[in-house]
Amino acid sequence: MADFTYVWTTEGWLYVAAVLDLYSRKVVGWSMSAQMTAQLVTDALQMAIWRRGKPVELLHHSDQLSLSNTRPRTSSGCLPIRA
């Protein structure tokens, strides 16, 4: 499962993305940046895959919310990924 958030610091906004392994309930990937980009969440997912080993298959879930539109999209949000 993945999510991102942002926090105010004395240097400005800091965006944080995290990937949680639901089986172990541990954060296995994360990334931080001064800018919210697709690379931010991609880096967190790549770290999770690197730390857990390359899986044959995995299921990645993200709520797919938008900061400008907080209503969830109609898709399930589940995306099977082949590594």
PDB file of N, CA and C in Angstrom:
ATOM      1  N   MET A   1       0.846  -1.148   0.000  1.00  0.00           N
ATOM      2  CA  MET A   1       0.000   0.000   0.000  1.00  0.00           C
ATOM      3  C   MET A   1       0.903   1.225   0.000  1.00  0.00           C
ATOM      4  N   ALA A   2       0.488   2.272  -0.683  1.00  0.00           N
ATOM      5  CA  ALA A   2       1.308   3.475  -0.776  1.00  0.00           C
ATOM      6  C   ALA A   2       0.470   4.719  -0.520  1.00  0.00           C
ATOM      7  N   ASP A   3       1.136   5.720  -0.024  1.00  0.00           N
ATOM      8  CA  ASP A   3       0.482   7.004   0.176  1.00  0.00           C
ATOM      9  C   ASP A   3       1.550   8.084   0.220  1.00  0.00           C
ATOM     10  N   PHE A   4       1.131   9.329   0.100  1.00  0.00           N
ATOM     11  CA  PHE A   4       2.061  10.425   0.253  1.00  0.00           C
ATOM     12  C   PHE A   4       1.387  11.535   1.039  1.00  0.00           C
ATOM     13  N   THR A   5       2.207  12.376   1.618  1.00  0.00           N
ATOM     14  CA  THR A   5       1.704  13.503   2.389  1.00  0.00           C
ATOM     15  C   THR A   5       2.709  14.635   2.274  1.00  0.00           C
ATOM     16  N   TYR A   6       2.412  15.740   2.894  1.00  0.00           N
ATOM     17  CA  TYR A   6       3.336  16.858   2.895  1.00  0.00           C
ATOM     18  C   TYR A   6       3.303  17.516   4.268  1.00  0.00           C
ATOM     19  N   VAL A   7       4.449  18.049   4.670  1.00  0.00           N
ATOM     20  CA  VAL A   7       4.573  18.706   5.963  1.00  0.00           C
ATOM     21  C   VAL A   7       5.309  20.025   5.783  1.00  0.00           C
ATOM     22  N   TRP A   8       4.919  21.000   6.571  1.00  0.00           N
ATOM     23  CA  TRP A   8       5.577  22.298   6.525  1.00  0.00           C
ATOM     24  C   TRP A   8       6.835  22.248   7.381  1.00  0.00           C
ATOM     25  N   THR A   9       7.937  22.722   6.842  1.00  0.00           N
ATOM     26  CA  THR A   9       9.190  22.815   7.590  1.00  0.00           C
ATOM     27  C   THR A   9       9.661  24.265   7.528  1.00  0.00           C
ATOM     28  N   THR A  10      10.714  24.580   8.245  1.00  0.00           N
ATOM     29  CA  THR A  10      11.251  25.943   8.201  1.00  0.00           C
ATOM     30  C   THR A  10      11.830  26.286   6.833  1.00  0.00           C
ATOM     31  N   GLU A  11      12.066  25.274   6.010  1.00  0.00           N
ATOM     32  CA  GLU A  11      12.593  25.501   4.658  1.00  0.00           C
ATOM     33  C   GLU A  11      11.518  25.402   3.588  1.00  0.00           C
ATOM     34  N   GLY A  12      10.258  25.207   3.975  1.00  0.00           N
ATOM     35  CA  GLY A  12       9.153  25.091   3.016  1.00  0.00           C
ATOM     36  C   GLY A  12       8.489  23.730   3.114  1.00  0.00           C
ATOM     37  N   TRP A  13       7.689  23.418   2.122  1.00  0.00           N
ATOM     38  CA  TRP A  13       6.959  22.144   2.118  1.00  0.00           C
ATOM     39  C   TRP A  13       7.900  20.988   1.805  1.00  0.00           C
ATOM     40  N   LEU A  14       7.707  19.887   2.517  1.00  0.00           N
ATOM     41  CA  LEU A  14       8.442  18.648   2.257  1.00  0.00           C
ATOM     42  C   LEU A  14       7.411  17.578   1.921  1.00  0.00           C
ATOM     43  N   TYR A  15       7.545  16.974   0.766  1.00  0.00           N
ATOM     44  CA  TYR A  15       6.633  15.928   0.315  1.00  0.00           C
ATOM     45  C   TYR A  15       7.262  14.574   0.628  1.00  0.00           C
ATOM     46  N   VAL A  16       6.455  13.673   1.168  1.00  0.00           N
ATOM     47  CA  VAL A  16       6.940  12.359   1.601  1.00  0.00           C
ATOM     48  C   VAL A  16       6.023  11.280   1.011  1.00  0.00           C
ATOM     49  N   ALA A  17       6.625  10.294   0.367  1.00  0.00           N
ATOM     50  CA  ALA A  17       5.884   9.133  -0.146  1.00  0.00           C
ATOM     51  C   ALA A  17       6.384   7.905   0.605  1.00  0.00           C
ATOM     52  N   ALA A  18       5.476   6.989   0.914  1.00  0.00           N
ATOM     53  CA  ALA A  18       5.856   5.773   1.639  1.00  0.00           C
ATOM     54  C   ALA A  18       5.110   4.570   1.070  1.00  0.00           C
ATOM     55  N   VAL A  19       5.773   3.410   1.123  1.00  0.00           N
ATOM     56  CA  VAL A  19       5.183   2.141   0.703  1.00  0.00           C
ATOM     57  C   VAL A  19       5.210   1.218   1.912  1.00  0.00           C
ATOM     58  N   LEU A  20       4.065   0.656   2.252  1.00  0.00           N
ATOM     59  CA  LEU A  20       3.911  -0.213   3.410  1.00  0.00           C
ATOM     60  C   LEU A  20       3.679  -1.649   2.950  1.00  0.00           C
ATOM     61  N   ASP A  21       4.450  -2.581   3.520  1.00  0.00           N
ATOM     62  CA  ASP A  21       4.223  -4.003   3.287  1.00  0.00           C
ATOM     63  C   ASP A  21       3.129  -4.435   4.264  1.00  0.00           C
ATOM     64  N   LEU A  22       1.961  -4.748   3.764  1.00  0.00           N
ATOM     65  CA  LEU A  22       0.836  -5.066   4.630  1.00  0.00           C
ATOM     66  C   LEU A  22       1.016  -6.381   5.384  1.00  0.00           C
ATOM     67  N   TYR A  23       1.835  -7.295   4.854  1.00  0.00           N
ATOM     68  CA  TYR A  23       2.073  -8.553   5.548  1.00  0.00           C
ATOM     69  C   TYR A  23       2.904  -8.314   6.811  1.00  0.00           C
ATOM     70  N   SER A  24       4.009  -7.607   6.670  1.00  0.00           N
ATOM     71  CA  SER A  24       4.888  -7.364   7.821  1.00  0.00           C
ATOM     72  C   SER A  24       4.513  -6.096   8.581  1.00  0.00           C
ATOM     73  N   ARG A  25       3.675  -5.267   7.980  1.00  0.00           N
ATOM     74  CA  ARG A  25       3.264  -3.975   8.557  1.00  0.00           C
ATOM     75  C   ARG A  25       4.451  -3.053   8.777  1.00  0.00           C
ATOM     76  N   LYS A  26       5.413  -3.131   7.860  1.00  0.00           N
ATOM     77  CA  LYS A  26       6.594  -2.274   7.932  1.00  0.00           C
ATOM     78  C   LYS A  26       6.638  -1.352   6.723  1.00  0.00           C
ATOM     79  N   VAL A  27       7.185  -0.166   6.935  1.00  0.00           N
ATOM     80  CA  VAL A  27       7.465   0.730   5.815  1.00  0.00           C
ATOM     81  C   VAL A  27       8.700   0.185   5.127  1.00  0.00           C
ATOM     82  N   VAL A  28       8.573  -0.172   3.857  1.00  0.00           N
ATOM     83  CA  VAL A  28       9.680  -0.787   3.135  1.00  0.00           C
ATOM     84  C   VAL A  28      10.250   0.123   2.047  1.00  0.00           C
ATOM     85  N   GLY A  29       9.595   1.231   1.777  1.00  0.00           N
ATOM     86  CA  GLY A  29      10.103   2.185   0.802  1.00  0.00           C
ATOM     87  C   GLY A  29       9.615   3.576   1.137  1.00  0.00           C
ATOM     88  N   TRP A  30      10.470   4.562   0.899  1.00  0.00           N
ATOM     89  CA  TRP A  30      10.068   5.939   1.142  1.00  0.00           C
ATOM     90  C   TRP A  30      10.914   6.863   0.289  1.00  0.00           C
ATOM     91  N   SER A  31      10.418   8.065   0.129  1.00  0.00           N
ATOM     92  CA  SER A  31      11.121   9.082  -0.628  1.00  0.00           C
ATOM     93  C   SER A  31      10.650  10.446  -0.151  1.00  0.00           C
ATOM     94  N   MET A  32      11.544  11.420  -0.172  1.00  0.00           N
ATOM     95  CA  MET A  32      11.212  12.781   0.240  1.00  0.00           C
ATOM     96  C   MET A  32      11.734  13.755  -0.807  1.00  0.00           C
ATOM     97  N   SER A  33      10.998  14.860  -0.996  1.00  0.00           N
ATOM     98  CA  SER A  33      11.403  15.848  -1.983  1.00  0.00           C
ATOM     99  C   SER A  33      10.763  17.190  -1.665  1.00  0.00           C
ATOM    100  N   ALA A  34      11.383  18.241  -2.132  1.00  0.00           N
ATOM    101  CA  ALA A  34      10.817  19.585  -1.997  1.00  0.00           C
ATOM    102  C   ALA A  34       9.722  19.826  -3.033  1.00  0.00           C
ATOM    103  N   GLN A  35       9.599  18.924  -4.004  1.00  0.00           N
ATOM    104  CA  GLN A  35       8.585  19.050  -5.055  1.00  0.00           C
ATOM    105  C   GLN A  35       7.779  17.762  -5.142  1.00  0.00           C
ATOM    106  N   MET A  36       6.484  17.905  -5.414  1.00  0.00           N
ATOM    107  CA  MET A  36       5.633  16.729  -5.579  1.00  0.00           C
ATOM    108  C   MET A  36       5.652  16.334  -7.059  1.00  0.00           C
ATOM    109  N   THR A  37       6.319  15.231  -7.352  1.00  0.00           N
ATOM    110  CA  THR A  37       6.440  14.755  -8.722  1.00  0.00           C
ATOM    111  C   THR A  37       6.124  13.262  -8.769  1.00  0.00           C
ATOM    112  N   ALA A  38       5.928  12.757  -9.963  1.00  0.00           N
ATOM    113  CA  ALA A  38       5.724  11.320 -10.134  1.00  0.00           C
ATOM    114  C   ALA A  38       6.974  10.560  -9.705  1.00  0.00           C
ATOM    115  N   GLN A  39       8.144  11.168  -9.876  1.00  0.00           N
ATOM    116  CA  GLN A  39       9.392  10.522  -9.494  1.00  0.00           C
ATOM    117  C   GLN A  39       9.450  10.256  -7.990  1.00  0.00           C
ATOM    118  N   LEU A  40       8.829  11.113  -7.197  1.00  0.00           N
ATOM    119  CA  LEU A  40       8.782  10.942  -5.745  1.00  0.00           C
ATOM    120  C   LEU A  40       8.169   9.594  -5.372  1.00  0.00           C
ATOM    121  N   VAL A  41       7.004   9.282  -5.922  1.00  0.00           N
ATOM    122  CA  VAL A  41       6.341   8.017  -5.582  1.00  0.00           C
ATOM    123  C   VAL A  41       7.002   6.836  -6.287  1.00  0.00           C
ATOM    124  N   THR A  42       7.544   7.053  -7.471  1.00  0.00           N
ATOM    125  CA  THR A  42       8.273   5.992  -8.168  1.00  0.00           C
ATOM    126  C   THR A  42       9.503   5.570  -7.378  1.00  0.00           C
ATOM    127  N   ASP A  43      10.223   6.542  -6.833  1.00  0.00           N
ATOM    128  CA  ASP A  43      11.413   6.229  -6.031  1.00  0.00           C
ATOM    129  C   ASP A  43      11.044   5.409  -4.798  1.00  0.00           C
ATOM    130  N   ALA A  44       9.931   5.741  -4.149  1.00  0.00           N
ATOM    131  CA  ALA A  44       9.499   4.989  -2.969  1.00  0.00           C
ATOM    132  C   ALA A  44       9.160   3.544  -3.336  1.00  0.00           C
ATOM    133  N   LEU A  45       8.480   3.349  -4.453  1.00  0.00           N
ATOM    134  CA  LEU A  45       8.140   1.993  -4.899  1.00  0.00           C
ATOM    135  C   LEU A  45       9.388   1.217  -5.291  1.00  0.00           C
ATOM    136  N   GLN A  46      10.315   1.862  -5.982  1.00  0.00           N
ATOM    137  CA  GLN A  46      11.553   1.181  -6.366  1.00  0.00           C
ATOM    138  C   GLN A  46      12.373   0.783  -5.141  1.00  0.00           C
ATOM    139  N   MET A  47      12.392   1.638  -4.116  1.00  0.00           N
ATOM    140  CA  MET A  47      13.096   1.278  -2.888  1.00  0.00           C
ATOM    141  C   MET A  47      12.455   0.065  -2.229  1.00  0.00           C
ATOM    142  N   ALA A  48      11.128   0.021  -2.210  1.00  0.00           N
ATOM    143  CA  ALA A  48      10.423  -1.107  -1.606  1.00  0.00           C
ATOM    144  C   ALA A  48      10.766  -2.407  -2.325  1.00  0.00           C
ATOM    145  N   ILE A  49      10.790  -2.378  -3.641  1.00  0.00           N
ATOM    146  CA  ILE A  49      11.137  -3.571  -4.420  1.00  0.00           C
ATOM    147  C   ILE A  49      12.593  -3.957  -4.167  1.00  0.00           C
ATOM    148  N   TRP A  50      13.483  -2.993  -4.115  1.00  0.00           N
ATOM    149  CA  TRP A  50      14.900  -3.269  -3.860  1.00  0.00           C
ATOM    150  C   TRP A  50      15.103  -3.877  -2.471  1.00  0.00           C
ATOM    151  N   ARG A  51      14.424  -3.338  -1.455  1.00  0.00           N
ATOM    152  CA  ARG A  51      14.607  -3.823  -0.085  1.00  0.00           C
ATOM    153  C   ARG A  51      13.980  -5.190   0.131  1.00  0.00           C
ATOM    154  N   ARG A  52      12.914  -5.514  -0.577  1.00  0.00           N
ATOM    155  CA  ARG A  52      12.217  -6.787  -0.390  1.00  0.00           C
ATOM    156  C   ARG A  52      12.689  -7.860  -1.361  1.00  0.00           C
ATOM    157  N   GLY A  53      13.463  -7.498  -2.344  1.00  0.00           N
ATOM    158  CA  GLY A  53      13.867  -8.449  -3.360  1.00  0.00           C
ATOM    159  C   GLY A  53      12.898  -8.379  -4.527  1.00  0.00           C
ATOM    160  N   LYS A  54      13.380  -8.791  -5.676  1.00  0.00           N
ATOM    161  CA  LYS A  54      12.564  -8.703  -6.883  1.00  0.00           C
ATOM    162  C   LYS A  54      11.500  -9.795  -6.873  1.00  0.00           C
ATOM    163  N   PRO A  55      10.234  -9.427  -6.762  1.00  0.00           N
ATOM    164  CA  PRO A  55       9.174 -10.442  -6.718  1.00  0.00           C
ATOM    165  C   PRO A  55       8.790 -10.930  -8.114  1.00  0.00           C
ATOM    166  N   VAL A  56       8.230 -12.119  -8.168  1.00  0.00           N
ATOM    167  CA  VAL A  56       7.689 -12.618  -9.432  1.00  0.00           C
ATOM    168  C   VAL A  56       6.446 -11.801  -9.785  1.00  0.00           C
ATOM    169  N   GLU A  57       5.604 -11.572  -8.785  1.00  0.00           N
ATOM    170  CA  GLU A  57       4.418 -10.732  -8.944  1.00  0.00           C
ATOM    171  C   GLU A  57       4.206  -9.971  -7.644  1.00  0.00           C
ATOM    172  N   LEU A  58       3.540  -8.842  -7.740  1.00  0.00           N
ATOM    173  CA  LEU A  58       3.143  -8.127  -6.542  1.00  0.00           C
ATOM    174  C   LEU A  58       1.867  -7.359  -6.837  1.00  0.00           C
ATOM    175  N   LEU A  59       1.186  -6.990  -5.787  1.00  0.00           N
ATOM    176  CA  LEU A  59      -0.033  -6.204  -5.897  1.00  0.00           C
ATOM    177  C   LEU A  59       0.229  -4.884  -5.210  1.00  0.00           C
ATOM    178  N   HIS A  60       0.092  -3.804  -5.948  1.00  0.00           N
ATOM    179  CA  HIS A  60       0.353  -2.470  -5.408  1.00  0.00           C
ATOM    180  C   HIS A  60      -0.958  -1.708  -5.348  1.00  0.00           C
ATOM    181  N   HIS A  61      -1.271  -1.145  -4.183  1.00  0.00           N
ATOM    182  CA  HIS A  61      -2.503  -0.389  -4.021  1.00  0.00           C
ATOM    183  C   HIS A  61      -2.185   1.037  -3.599  1.00  0.00           C
ATOM    184  N   SER A  62      -2.845   1.977  -4.253  1.00  0.00           N
ATOM    185  CA  SER A  62      -2.764   3.377  -3.878  1.00  0.00           C
ATOM    186  C   SER A  62      -4.172   3.930  -3.976  1.00  0.00           C
ATOM    187  N   ASP A  63      -4.531   4.849  -3.093  1.00  0.00           N
ATOM    188  CA  ASP A  63      -5.903   5.361  -3.113  1.00  0.00           C
ATOM    189  C   ASP A  63      -6.174   6.279  -4.299  1.00  0.00           C
ATOM    190  N   GLN A  64      -5.169   6.715  -5.008  1.00  0.00           N
ATOM    191  CA  GLN A  64      -5.285   7.526  -6.221  1.00  0.00           C
ATOM    192  C   GLN A  64      -6.051   8.825  -6.010  1.00  0.00           C
ATOM    193  N   LEU A  65      -5.882   9.433  -4.864  1.00  0.00           N
ATOM    194  CA  LEU A  65      -6.525  10.721  -4.626  1.00  0.00           C
ATOM    195  C   LEU A  65      -5.693  11.833  -5.229  1.00  0.00           C
ATOM    196  N   SER A  66      -6.336  12.909  -5.513  1.00  0.00           N
ATOM    197  CA  SER A  66      -5.673  14.078  -6.043  1.00  0.00           C
ATOM    198  C   SER A  66      -5.782  15.196  -5.018  1.00  0.00           C
ATOM    199  N   LEU A  67      -4.747  16.002  -4.894  1.00  0.00           N
ATOM    200  CA  LEU A  67      -4.819  17.115  -3.956  1.00  0.00           C
ATOM    201  C   LEU A  67      -5.846  18.153  -4.390  1.00  0.00           C
ATOM    202  N   SER A  68      -6.080  18.270  -5.693  1.00  0.00           N
ATOM    203  CA  SER A  68      -7.054  19.245  -6.168  1.00  0.00           C
ATOM    204  C   SER A  68      -8.466  18.679  -6.185  1.00  0.00           C
ATOM    205  N   ASN A  69      -8.590  17.366  -6.160  1.00  0.00           N
ATOM    206  CA  ASN A  69      -9.901  16.718  -6.169  1.00  0.00           C
ATOM    207  C   ASN A  69      -9.831  15.547  -5.199  1.00  0.00           C
ATOM    208  N   THR A  70     -10.402  15.693  -4.021  1.00  0.00           N
ATOM    209  CA  THR A  70     -10.251  14.675  -2.991  1.00  0.00           C
ATOM    210  C   THR A  70     -11.229  13.523  -3.118  1.00  0.00           C
ATOM    211  N   ARG A  71     -12.031  13.502  -4.177  1.00  0.00           N
ATOM    212  CA  ARG A  71     -12.924  12.364  -4.389  1.00  0.00           C
ATOM    213  C   ARG A  71     -12.161  11.237  -5.066  1.00  0.00           C
ATOM    214  N   PRO A  72     -12.281   9.995  -4.565  1.00  0.00           N
ATOM    215  CA  PRO A  72     -11.565   8.880  -5.198  1.00  0.00           C
ATOM    216  C   PRO A  72     -12.073   8.632  -6.618  1.00  0.00           C
ATOM    217  N   ARG A  73     -11.193   8.139  -7.452  1.00  0.00           N
ATOM    218  CA  ARG A  73     -11.585   7.764  -8.811  1.00  0.00           C
ATOM    219  C   ARG A  73     -12.455   6.515  -8.765  1.00  0.00           C
ATOM    220  N   THR A  74     -13.111   6.204  -9.857  1.00  0.00           N
ATOM    221  CA  THR A  74     -14.022   5.065  -9.871  1.00  0.00           C
ATOM    222  C   THR A  74     -13.310   3.723  -9.996  1.00  0.00           C
ATOM    223  N   SER A  75     -12.036   3.718 -10.390  1.00  0.00           N
ATOM    224  CA  SER A  75     -11.323   2.446 -10.503  1.00  0.00           C
ATOM    225  C   SER A  75     -11.040   1.884  -9.113  1.00  0.00           C
ATOM    226  N   SER A  76     -10.719   0.609  -9.055  1.00  0.00           N
ATOM    227  CA  SER A  76     -10.475  -0.054  -7.769  1.00  0.00           C
ATOM    228  C   SER A  76      -9.193   0.421  -7.107  1.00  0.00           C
ATOM    229  N   GLY A  77      -8.259   0.954  -7.884  1.00  0.00           N
ATOM    230  CA  GLY A  77      -7.004   1.395  -7.311  1.00  0.00           C
ATOM    231  C   GLY A  77      -5.964   0.299  -7.235  1.00  0.00           C
ATOM    232  N   CYS A  78      -6.344  -0.931  -7.513  1.00  0.00           N
ATOM    233  CA  CYS A  78      -5.394  -2.041  -7.465  1.00  0.00           C
ATOM    234  C   CYS A  78      -4.772  -2.227  -8.839  1.00  0.00           C
ATOM    235  N   LEU A  79      -3.469  -2.401  -8.849  1.00  0.00           N
ATOM    236  CA  LEU A  79      -2.752  -2.545 -10.105  1.00  0.00           C
ATOM    237  C   LEU A  79      -1.743  -3.676  -9.978  1.00  0.00           C
ATOM    238  N   PRO A  80      -1.960  -4.807 -10.669  1.00  0.00           N
ATOM    239  CA  PRO A  80      -0.950  -5.858 -10.629  1.00  0.00           C
ATOM    240  C   PRO A  80       0.276  -5.424 -11.424  1.00  0.00           C
ATOM    241  N   ILE A  81       1.451  -5.632 -10.861  1.00  0.00           N
ATOM    242  CA  ILE A  81       2.688  -5.217 -11.508  1.00  0.00           C
ATOM    243  C   ILE A  81       3.582  -6.431 -11.621  1.00  0.00           C
ATOM    244  N   ARG A  82       4.113  -6.640 -12.784  1.00  0.00           N
ATOM    245  CA  ARG A  82       5.108  -7.711 -12.989  1.00  0.00           C
ATOM    246  C   ARG A  82       6.483  -7.073 -12.948  1.00  0.00           C
ATOM    247  N   ALA A  83       7.317  -7.563 -12.047  1.00  0.00           N
ATOM    248  CA  ALA A  83       8.660  -6.984 -11.884  1.00  0.00           C
ATOM    249  C   ALA A  83       9.633  -7.608 -12.856  1.00  0.00           C
TER     250      ALA A  83
END
